[in-house]
C-alpha atoms as a PDB file:
ATOM      1  CA  UNK A   1     -25.600  12.778 -22.075  1.00  0.00           C
ATOM      2  CA  UNK A   2     -27.289   9.538 -20.977  1.00  0.00           C
ATOM      3  CA  UNK A   3     -23.901   8.028 -20.220  1.00  0.00           C
ATOM      4  CA  UNK A   4     -23.010  10.960 -17.981  1.00  0.00           C
ATOM      5  CA  UNK A   5     -26.319  10.711 -16.119  1.00  0.00           C
ATOM      6  CA  UNK A   6     -25.823   6.965 -15.636  1.00  0.00           C
ATOM      7  CA  UNK A   7     -22.287   7.559 -14.338  1.00  0.00           C
ATOM      8  CA  UNK A   8     -23.562  10.227 -11.967  1.00  0.00           C
ATOM      9  CA  UNK A   9     -26.149   7.802 -10.571  1.00  0.00           C
ATOM     10  CA  UNK A  10     -23.483   5.099 -10.242  1.00  0.00           C
ATOM     11  CA  UNK A  11     -21.126   7.448  -8.396  1.00  0.00           C
ATOM     12  CA  UNK A  12     -23.913   8.556  -6.060  1.00  0.00           C
ATOM     13  CA  UNK A  13     -24.814   4.940  -5.284  1.00  0.00           C
ATOM     14  CA  UNK A  14     -21.123   4.220  -4.705  1.00  0.00           C
ATOM     15  CA  UNK A  15     -20.897   7.088  -2.228  1.00  0.00           C
ATOM     16  CA  UNK A  16     -23.986   5.843  -0.383  1.00  0.00           C
ATOM     17  CA  UNK A  17     -22.738   2.245  -0.290  1.00  0.00           C
ATOM     18  CA  UNK A  18     -19.311   3.373   0.903  1.00  0.00           C
ATOM     19  CA  UNK A  19     -20.894   5.499   3.613  1.00  0.00           C
ATOM     20  CA  UNK A  20     -22.924   2.509   4.811  1.00  0.00           C
ATOM     21  CA  UNK A  21     -19.745   0.426   4.767  1.00  0.00           C
ATOM     22  CA  UNK A  22     -17.991   3.137   6.741  1.00  0.00           C
ATOM     23  CA  UNK A  23     -20.736   2.993   9.355  1.00  0.00           C
ATOM     24  CA  UNK A  24     -20.499  -0.801   9.487  1.00  0.00           C
ATOM     25  CA  UNK A  25     -16.718  -0.702   9.851  1.00  0.00           C
ATOM     26  CA  UNK A  26     -16.995   1.791  12.690  1.00  0.00           C
ATOM     27  CA  UNK A  27     -19.549  -0.347  14.529  1.00  0.00           C
ATOM     28  CA  UNK A  28     -17.394  -3.478  14.092  1.00  0.00           C
ATOM     29  CA  UNK A  29     -14.149  -1.661  15.034  1.00  0.00           C
ATOM     30  CA  UNK A  30     -12.676  -2.863  11.738  1.00  0.00           C
ATOM     31  CA  UNK A  31     -10.104  -0.187  10.971  1.00  0.00           C
ATOM     32  CA  UNK A  32      -8.946  -1.707   7.684  1.00  0.00           C
ATOM     33  CA  UNK A  33     -12.514  -1.488   6.387  1.00  0.00           C
ATOM     34  CA  UNK A  34     -12.773   2.091   7.648  1.00  0.00           C
ATOM     35  CA  UNK A  35      -9.678   3.029   5.668  1.00  0.00           C
ATOM     36  CA  UNK A  36     -10.921   1.265   2.573  1.00  0.00           C
ATOM     37  CA  UNK A  37     -14.321   2.946   2.701  1.00  0.00           C
ATOM     38  CA  UNK A  38     -12.797   6.376   3.302  1.00  0.00           C
ATOM     39  CA  UNK A  39     -10.654   5.887   0.191  1.00  0.00           C
ATOM     40  CA  UNK A  40     -13.631   4.737  -1.884  1.00  0.00           C
ATOM     41  CA  UNK A  41     -15.750   7.689  -0.737  1.00  0.00           C
ATOM     42  CA  UNK A  42     -12.960  10.074  -1.717  1.00  0.00           C
ATOM     43  CA  UNK A  43     -12.542   8.328  -5.068  1.00  0.00           C
ATOM     44  CA  UNK A  44     -16.258   8.501  -5.877  1.00  0.00           C
ATOM     45  CA  UNK A  45     -16.429  12.159  -4.780  1.00  0.00           C
ATOM     46  CA  UNK A  46     -13.432  13.019  -6.981  1.00  0.00           C
ATOM     47  CA  UNK A  47     -14.957  11.241  -9.982  1.00  0.00           C
ATOM     48  CA  UNK A  48     -18.342  12.879  -9.393  1.00  0.00           C
ATOM     49  CA  UNK A  49     -16.834  16.379  -9.202  1.00  0.00           C
ATOM     50  CA  UNK A  50     -14.776  15.724 -12.340  1.00  0.00           C
ATOM     51  CA  UNK A  51     -17.848  14.438 -14.195  1.00  0.00           C
ATOM     52  CA  UNK A  52     -19.874  17.477 -13.113  1.00  0.00           C
ATOM     53  CA  UNK A  53     -17.169  19.869 -14.315  1.00  0.00           C
ATOM     54  CA  UNK A  54     -16.912  18.097 -17.664  1.00  0.00           C
ATOM     55  CA  UNK A  55     -20.687  18.113 -18.049  1.00  0.00           C
ATOM     56  CA  UNK A  56     -20.931  21.849 -17.314  1.00  0.00           C
ATOM     57  CA  UNK A  57     -18.108  22.544 -19.761  1.00  0.00           C
ATOM     58  CA  UNK A  58     -19.829  20.539 -22.497  1.00  0.00           C
ATOM     59  CA  UNK A  59     -23.044  22.507 -21.894  1.00  0.00           C
ATOM     60  CA  UNK A  60     -21.122  25.780 -22.221  1.00  0.00           C
ATOM     61  CA  UNK A  61     -19.470  24.560 -25.417  1.00  0.00           C
ATOM     62  CA  UNK A  62     -22.861  23.624 -26.896  1.00  0.00           C
ATOM     63  CA  UNK A  63     -24.276  27.029 -25.979  1.00  0.00           C
ATOM     64  CA  UNK A  64     -21.327  28.805 -27.612  1.00  0.00           C
ATOM     65  CA  UNK A  65     -21.715  26.860 -30.868  1.00  0.00           C
ATOM     66  CA  UNK A  66     -25.186  28.254 -31.537  1.00  0.00           C
END
């Protein structure tokens, strides 16, 4: 449970950092950086959604055991 919370915080910080990088890349007209930050945002969003689904499933499994 603590590991999942820590991962969720890490993914959220990654999304925020990538968004700030995206903004920087746009201001600098650095299109390679824009592409990189778009990919990292998508990666962190995918991992966060997957983690959330797994967490909800584990909560349902715990509830069904009792």
